[in-house]
Every structure is written in C-alpha cells, then in structure tokens.
Amino acid sequence: MLYLVGLGLGDAKDITVKGLEAVRRCRRVYLEAYTSVLTVGKEALEEFYGKELILADREMVEQEADSLLKEADVCDVAFLVVGDPFGATTHSDLVLRAVKLGIPYKVIHNASIMNAVGCCGLQLYNFGETVSIVFWTDTWKPESFFDKIEKNRQNGMHTLCLLDIKVKEQSLENLMKGRKIYEPPRYMSVNQAAEQLLAIIQNRRLQGEKPEITENTICVGLARVGAPDEKIASGTLQQMSTVELGAPLHSLIVTGTMHPLELEMLKLFSVDSSSFENNACQRTT
C-alpha cells in the first residue's frame, strides 16, 4: 500500500492520528521537500514519528517515481506532504503511477493553506482561482498571474496568491555544466510579491490601461499559518510592500468584493485602520 499523508501546516504534532498510525507501520517513509515546508526540520519529525525519513526532492518525485514506489506492492510505503496531499498537482502523477503498477493507495487528508486562509476572516466560498507568484529574474518577468487576479476581482472574488519557493535549485551555469551544486533555499515574502504586483500596475498604466487592482486595493499578508507564531496583516497593496511578517512561509490575498462581516474581521489585523475608511468594496447582501 502507498499512503499519501498530509502533515498539516505547523509542526510535527499537526499530523492526524490516522496519519501517524500509517507512518509508524510503514517500512519506508518519504518526506516531500519542495512544494512547502513546516516550521520544524526533518529531525523533529523523525523524533516524533519514531521513523527515519527519506527526503524526496522534486527530481526524485518527478523523474524517479518508480524507485519511490519500489516494493510498495509488498510492503507499506508512506509519502508525507506538508499541508494536504493534493495541494500540489505533482502528487496526482504519483497516484496514477501507483495505479498503473497495480499498487493500492490510501490518502489521509489534513489542513492546507487552501482552507486555512479562512483564519483572516475572508469567506472561503468567495475565493476565485488560486494563482502562483514566481520570482522574477532580470530577463524573465511574467505577468500572467495578474490577469487572473484581475478576472477574480472583476467577478467580486478574492485571490489567494501562493508565493514562490526555490529549494535545491541550480544556477544556469551549474545546470549547463552538469554540476550538482545548488543555490541556497529562497522563499518569497509578502513584500516581494506586493512589489512585483505594484510594478505590473505601473507597467499596465504606461500601456494606457486602467488596472482593476491599484496601490489602494485591500490585501492580506499571511505568514506561518497554523504555527504558534502565525502572523496576519491587512491593508493596502502599497502597505503590503513594507509590512514585516518575519520568517517563511508567506501567502498573499488580493481581496474582491467584501461582505461587511469580512471587512470587520480584516480590521482586526489592519496595519493602519484608516486603510479601510475609504474602501468602497462592501457587499450589502
């Protein structure tokens, strides 16, 4: 049996009882280590679970999945995922490979950022399509995610923006020369995401457009959701470019039309209460 086990969002104790029982009876336990991270390291998980963990990076999961599934037809193997197992599409591929090999699988769900964002008071059924904001480079500055945020906002919907994570990445030079030398991990902050959005707004104006999102659009920055030191800040997009939320992981929400109750909740986390005084995005129904 292949077990796909969600670990939740905080630390080692966020695993479910069902998930922990599965982990402890497995012969091999892999920890997916590239779509998200917990606030504790591999060693803390090993101590709590009572099992040695094998780190599974993107290369292993996407290119060497058969080795990961080896013997899963005759013994139990667990694949641990921060959040929920299906928070990333990569894991659907693993299930399809298992089925093709005749290996039964079981999914043990847990909380993910996709539902935990409700902690800020915005109602989950008012969210539109989720987007990913990637790190820009000097030569690559995609803006496609902005169009999706605009479309959500035109429909009155909020947008959850998942911020880029760079783990075990190679420089272009090392990649071209086949050197297994990796860059230090990088995690996008709310500040960086807001700065990129502000830059796009300026670009669009220079092109004669009137962006749906402006410097004064109400946004929410979230850090380490589910952890004891979780931090939430609400305010304008401009304020999000300077707010200090500390260590990763961060997420950003661009709001759409807000119900008065949502607005009242966001005020609990406001950087500056005056940000909400001129906000005309309330919904009266």
Protein backbone atom coordinates (compact mmCIF):
# COMPACT_ATOMS: atom_id res chain seq x y z
CA MET A 1 0.00 0.00 0.00
CA LEU A 2 1.11 3.54 -0.78
CA TYR A 3 -0.02 6.06 1.82
CA LEU A 4 -0.17 9.75 0.92
CA VAL A 5 -0.24 11.51 4.27
CA GLY A 6 -0.94 15.20 4.86
CA LEU A 7 1.14 16.74 7.65
CA GLY A 8 -0.83 19.95 8.18
CA LEU A 9 0.77 23.36 8.37
CA GLY A 10 2.55 23.80 11.70
CA ASP A 11 4.90 21.28 13.28
CA ALA A 12 5.29 17.54 13.86
CA LYS A 13 2.14 17.32 16.02
CA ASP A 14 -0.17 18.53 13.26
CA ILE A 15 -0.28 15.09 11.66
CA THR A 16 -3.62 13.32 12.22
CA VAL A 17 -3.88 10.26 14.47
CA LYS A 18 -4.78 8.20 11.40
CA GLY A 19 -1.76 9.57 9.55
CA LEU A 20 0.62 8.86 12.43
CA GLU A 21 -0.63 5.28 12.71
CA ALA A 22 0.01 4.78 8.99
CA VAL A 23 3.52 6.26 9.18
CA ARG A 24 4.50 4.05 12.10
CA ARG A 25 3.56 0.84 10.29
CA CYS A 26 5.32 1.71 7.03
CA ARG A 27 8.65 0.17 6.04
CA ARG A 28 9.77 3.27 4.13
CA VAL A 29 8.70 6.87 4.74
CA TYR A 30 9.43 9.69 2.29
CA LEU A 31 9.14 13.39 3.10
CA GLU A 32 8.27 15.57 0.11
CA ALA A 33 10.61 18.54 0.42
CA TYR A 34 9.93 21.05 -2.33
CA THR A 35 6.32 22.29 -2.56
CA SER A 36 6.16 23.51 1.05
CA VAL A 37 7.92 23.34 4.42
CA LEU A 38 6.97 23.01 8.07
CA THR A 39 8.27 25.25 10.84
CA VAL A 40 10.37 22.33 12.12
CA GLY A 41 13.04 20.26 10.40
CA LYS A 42 13.27 16.63 9.36
CA GLU A 43 14.91 15.62 12.67
CA ALA A 44 11.95 16.87 14.74
CA LEU A 45 9.57 14.86 12.58
CA GLU A 46 11.70 11.72 12.89
CA GLU A 47 11.77 12.03 16.66
CA PHE A 48 8.00 12.45 16.96
CA TYR A 49 7.06 9.81 14.37
CA GLY A 50 9.66 7.32 15.55
CA LYS A 51 10.70 6.73 11.94
CA GLU A 52 13.64 7.59 9.72
CA LEU A 53 12.54 9.83 6.86
CA ILE A 54 13.91 9.87 3.32
CA LEU A 55 13.91 13.34 1.77
CA ALA A 56 12.18 13.31 -1.61
CA ASP A 57 13.11 16.29 -3.75
CA ARG A 58 11.42 17.35 -6.99
CA GLU A 59 13.88 15.34 -9.10
CA MET A 60 13.10 12.13 -7.24
CA VAL A 61 9.32 12.54 -7.31
CA GLU A 62 9.05 13.70 -10.91
CA GLN A 63 11.83 11.65 -12.54
CA GLU A 64 12.45 8.68 -10.26
CA ALA A 65 8.95 7.93 -9.02
CA ASP A 66 9.33 4.22 -9.78
CA SER A 67 12.14 3.93 -7.22
CA LEU A 68 9.91 5.64 -4.69
CA LEU A 69 7.16 3.09 -5.39
CA LYS A 70 9.56 0.14 -5.30
CA GLU A 71 8.18 -2.72 -3.16
CA ALA A 72 5.02 -0.74 -2.33
CA ASP A 73 3.13 -3.73 -3.72
CA VAL A 74 4.50 -6.00 -0.98
CA CYS A 75 5.03 -3.56 1.92
CA ASP A 76 3.66 -0.25 3.18
CA VAL A 77 5.31 2.96 1.93
CA ALA A 78 4.34 6.46 3.07
CA PHE A 79 4.74 9.72 1.19
CA LEU A 80 4.44 12.70 3.53
CA VAL A 81 3.27 16.07 2.20
CA VAL A 82 3.15 19.37 4.09
CA GLY A 83 -0.46 20.55 4.14
CA ASP A 84 -2.75 18.21 2.20
CA PRO A 85 -1.50 15.52 -0.24
CA PHE A 86 -3.37 17.08 -3.16
CA GLY A 87 -2.35 20.68 -2.58
CA ALA A 88 0.13 20.17 -5.44
CA THR A 89 -0.68 18.51 -8.78
CA THR A 90 2.62 16.58 -8.74
CA HIS A 91 1.11 14.13 -6.32
CA SER A 92 -1.70 13.15 -8.67
CA ASP A 93 1.01 11.85 -11.01
CA LEU A 94 2.34 9.65 -8.20
CA VAL A 95 -1.12 8.14 -7.65
CA LEU A 96 -1.52 7.44 -11.38
CA ARG A 97 1.87 5.70 -11.46
CA ALA A 98 0.92 3.57 -8.47
CA VAL A 99 -2.37 2.53 -10.07
CA LYS A 100 -0.57 1.65 -13.30
CA LEU A 101 1.77 -0.62 -11.31
CA GLY A 102 -1.16 -2.24 -9.52
CA ILE A 103 -0.25 -0.70 -6.17
CA PRO A 104 -3.21 0.21 -3.94
CA TYR A 105 -3.11 3.66 -2.33
CA LYS A 106 -4.77 5.49 0.52
CA VAL A 107 -4.96 9.26 1.08
CA ILE A 108 -5.00 10.70 4.59
CA HIS A 109 -6.01 14.35 4.38
CA ASN A 110 -5.02 17.31 6.54
CA ALA A 111 -5.35 21.11 6.66
CA SER A 112 -3.74 23.06 3.83
CA ILE A 113 -3.25 26.73 3.05
CA MET A 114 -6.17 26.40 0.63
CA ASN A 115 -8.64 26.24 3.52
CA ALA A 116 -6.60 27.65 6.40
CA VAL A 117 -6.61 31.11 4.76
CA GLY A 118 -10.07 31.44 6.30
CA CYS A 119 -8.23 32.42 9.51
CA CYS A 120 -8.13 36.03 8.29
CA GLY A 121 -11.93 36.21 8.15
CA LEU A 122 -12.46 36.09 4.40
CA GLN A 123 -15.07 33.51 3.49
CA LEU A 124 -13.74 30.55 1.52
CA TYR A 125 -16.62 30.40 -0.94
CA ASN A 126 -15.78 33.96 -2.01
CA PHE A 127 -12.38 32.95 -3.40
CA GLY A 128 -11.78 32.61 -7.12
CA GLU A 129 -8.92 30.88 -8.93
CA THR A 130 -5.74 30.49 -6.87
CA VAL A 131 -2.56 31.83 -8.50
CA SER A 132 1.17 31.36 -8.01
CA ILE A 133 3.52 34.34 -7.98
CA VAL A 134 7.03 33.38 -9.10
CA PHE A 135 10.36 35.09 -8.50
CA TRP A 136 11.24 37.44 -11.33
CA THR A 137 14.70 37.48 -12.85
CA ASP A 138 16.46 40.16 -14.86
CA THR A 139 15.31 38.52 -18.09
CA TRP A 140 12.03 36.84 -17.09
CA LYS A 141 9.16 38.83 -15.62
CA PRO A 142 5.88 37.01 -16.30
CA GLU A 143 2.60 38.84 -15.63
CA SER A 144 0.01 36.17 -16.47
CA PHE A 145 -0.97 35.69 -12.83
CA PHE A 146 -2.01 39.37 -12.68
CA ASP A 147 -4.65 38.81 -15.36
CA LYS A 148 -6.17 36.02 -13.27
CA ILE A 149 -6.24 38.23 -10.17
CA GLU A 150 -7.96 40.94 -12.19
CA LYS A 151 -10.54 38.48 -13.52
CA ASN A 152 -11.29 37.26 -9.99
CA ARG A 153 -11.68 40.83 -8.77
CA GLN A 154 -13.98 41.74 -11.68
CA ASN A 155 -16.16 38.84 -10.53
CA GLY A 156 -16.06 40.08 -6.93
CA MET A 157 -13.85 37.18 -5.82
CA HIS A 158 -10.78 37.13 -3.58
CA THR A 159 -7.49 35.67 -4.87
CA LEU A 160 -5.14 33.50 -2.84
CA CYS A 161 -1.61 34.02 -4.14
CA LEU A 162 0.83 31.21 -3.36
CA LEU A 163 4.34 32.60 -3.22
CA ASP A 164 7.36 31.04 -4.88
CA ILE A 165 9.68 28.58 -3.12
CA LYS A 166 13.12 27.80 -4.52
CA VAL A 167 14.59 24.66 -2.95
CA LYS A 168 17.51 22.72 -4.41
CA GLU A 169 17.70 24.96 -7.47
CA GLN A 170 20.77 25.17 -9.70
CA SER A 171 22.21 28.28 -11.29
CA LEU A 172 22.03 28.33 -15.10
CA GLU A 173 25.81 27.91 -15.29
CA ASN A 174 25.88 24.88 -12.98
CA LEU A 175 22.90 23.38 -14.79
CA MET A 176 24.56 23.74 -18.19
CA LYS A 177 27.83 22.27 -16.91
CA GLY A 178 26.06 19.38 -15.17
CA ARG A 179 27.40 20.36 -11.75
CA LYS A 180 25.27 19.19 -8.82
CA ILE A 181 25.75 22.47 -6.98
CA TYR A 182 22.60 24.03 -5.57
CA GLU A 183 21.63 27.57 -4.65
CA PRO A 184 20.58 28.40 -1.05
CA PRO A 185 16.82 27.99 -0.46
CA ARG A 186 14.72 31.10 -1.15
CA TYR A 187 11.17 31.82 -0.05
CA MET A 188 9.20 34.73 -1.48
CA SER A 189 7.90 37.20 1.09
CA VAL A 190 4.66 39.18 1.01
CA ASN A 191 6.82 42.29 0.47
CA GLN A 192 8.39 40.86 -2.68
CA ALA A 193 5.06 39.68 -4.08
CA ALA A 194 3.49 43.09 -3.44
CA GLU A 195 6.44 44.85 -5.11
CA GLN A 196 6.02 42.73 -8.23
CA LEU A 197 2.28 43.46 -8.33
CA LEU A 198 2.96 47.19 -7.96
CA ALA A 199 5.48 47.02 -10.81
CA ILE A 200 2.89 45.34 -13.05
CA ILE A 201 0.32 48.02 -12.19
CA GLN A 202 2.80 50.70 -13.28
CA ASN A 203 3.58 48.78 -16.49
CA ARG A 204 -0.10 48.47 -17.34
CA ARG A 205 -0.67 52.19 -16.81
CA LEU A 206 2.25 53.02 -19.09
CA GLN A 207 0.48 50.90 -21.72
CA GLY A 208 -2.64 53.03 -21.33
CA GLU A 209 -4.60 50.55 -19.23
CA LYS A 210 -6.55 51.16 -16.02
CA PRO A 211 -5.77 48.11 -13.86
CA GLU A 212 -8.55 46.62 -11.76
CA ILE A 213 -6.06 46.41 -8.90
CA THR A 214 -4.34 49.55 -7.57
CA GLU A 215 -1.95 50.58 -4.80
CA ASN A 216 -5.01 51.07 -2.56
CA THR A 217 -6.60 47.66 -3.11
CA ILE A 218 -7.09 45.91 0.23
CA CYS A 219 -4.84 42.87 0.60
CA VAL A 220 -3.95 40.41 3.34
CA GLY A 221 -0.49 39.10 4.14
CA LEU A 222 -0.19 35.80 5.99
CA ALA A 223 2.89 34.14 7.45
CA ARG A 224 3.39 30.70 9.01
CA VAL A 225 -0.33 29.90 9.02
CA GLY A 226 -1.06 27.15 11.54
CA ALA A 227 2.10 27.77 13.58
CA PRO A 228 2.19 29.31 17.07
CA ASP A 229 3.80 32.47 15.65
CA GLU A 230 1.31 32.84 12.80
CA LYS A 231 1.05 36.44 11.62
CA ILE A 232 -1.69 38.18 9.64
CA ALA A 233 -1.65 41.75 8.36
CA SER A 234 -4.31 43.55 6.31
CA GLY A 235 -4.03 46.82 4.47
CA THR A 236 -3.43 48.30 1.05
CA LEU A 237 -1.23 46.65 -1.53
CA GLN A 238 1.21 49.52 -1.02
CA GLN A 239 1.37 48.73 2.71
CA MET A 240 1.96 45.05 1.96
CA SER A 241 5.20 46.02 0.21
CA THR A 242 6.64 47.24 3.53
CA VAL A 243 4.89 45.20 6.23
CA GLU A 244 7.16 42.95 8.30
CA LEU A 245 5.85 39.40 8.67
CA GLY A 246 9.06 37.57 9.55
CA ALA A 247 10.13 34.06 8.57
CA PRO A 248 8.51 32.00 5.76
CA LEU A 249 6.18 30.66 4.50
CA HIS A 250 4.14 33.65 3.30
CA SER A 251 0.92 33.95 1.31
CA LEU A 252 -0.89 37.00 -0.08
CA ILE A 253 -4.59 37.58 -0.65
CA VAL A 254 -5.92 40.24 -3.01
CA THR A 255 -9.50 40.93 -1.95
CA GLY A 256 -12.55 41.22 -4.16
CA THR A 257 -15.95 42.49 -3.06
CA MET A 258 -16.22 42.17 0.71
CA HIS A 259 -19.18 41.38 2.91
CA PRO A 260 -19.39 43.73 5.94
CA LEU A 261 -18.54 40.78 8.21
CA GLU A 262 -15.39 40.05 6.19
CA LEU A 263 -14.42 43.70 6.42
CA GLU A 264 -14.88 43.72 10.20
CA MET A 265 -12.67 40.64 10.52
CA LEU A 266 -9.91 42.14 8.37
CA LYS A 267 -9.88 45.25 10.57
CA LEU A 268 -8.67 43.03 13.43
CA PHE A 269 -5.40 42.62 11.51
CA SER A 270 -5.10 46.09 9.99
CA VAL A 271 -1.70 47.72 9.57
CA ASP A 272 -3.49 51.07 9.70
CA SER A 273 -7.24 51.30 10.37
CA SER A 274 -7.51 54.33 8.04
CA SER A 275 -6.81 51.95 5.13
CA PHE A 276 -10.39 50.71 5.42
CA GLU A 277 -12.16 54.05 5.80
CA ASN A 278 -12.32 54.79 2.07
CA ASN A 279 -12.76 51.18 1.00
CA ALA A 280 -15.88 51.00 -1.17
CA CYS A 281 -15.76 47.26 -1.69
CA GLN A 282 -18.51 46.26 0.72
CA ARG A 283 -21.30 44.00 -0.34
CA THR A 284 -24.67 44.63 1.24
CA THR A 285 -26.20 41.18 0.68
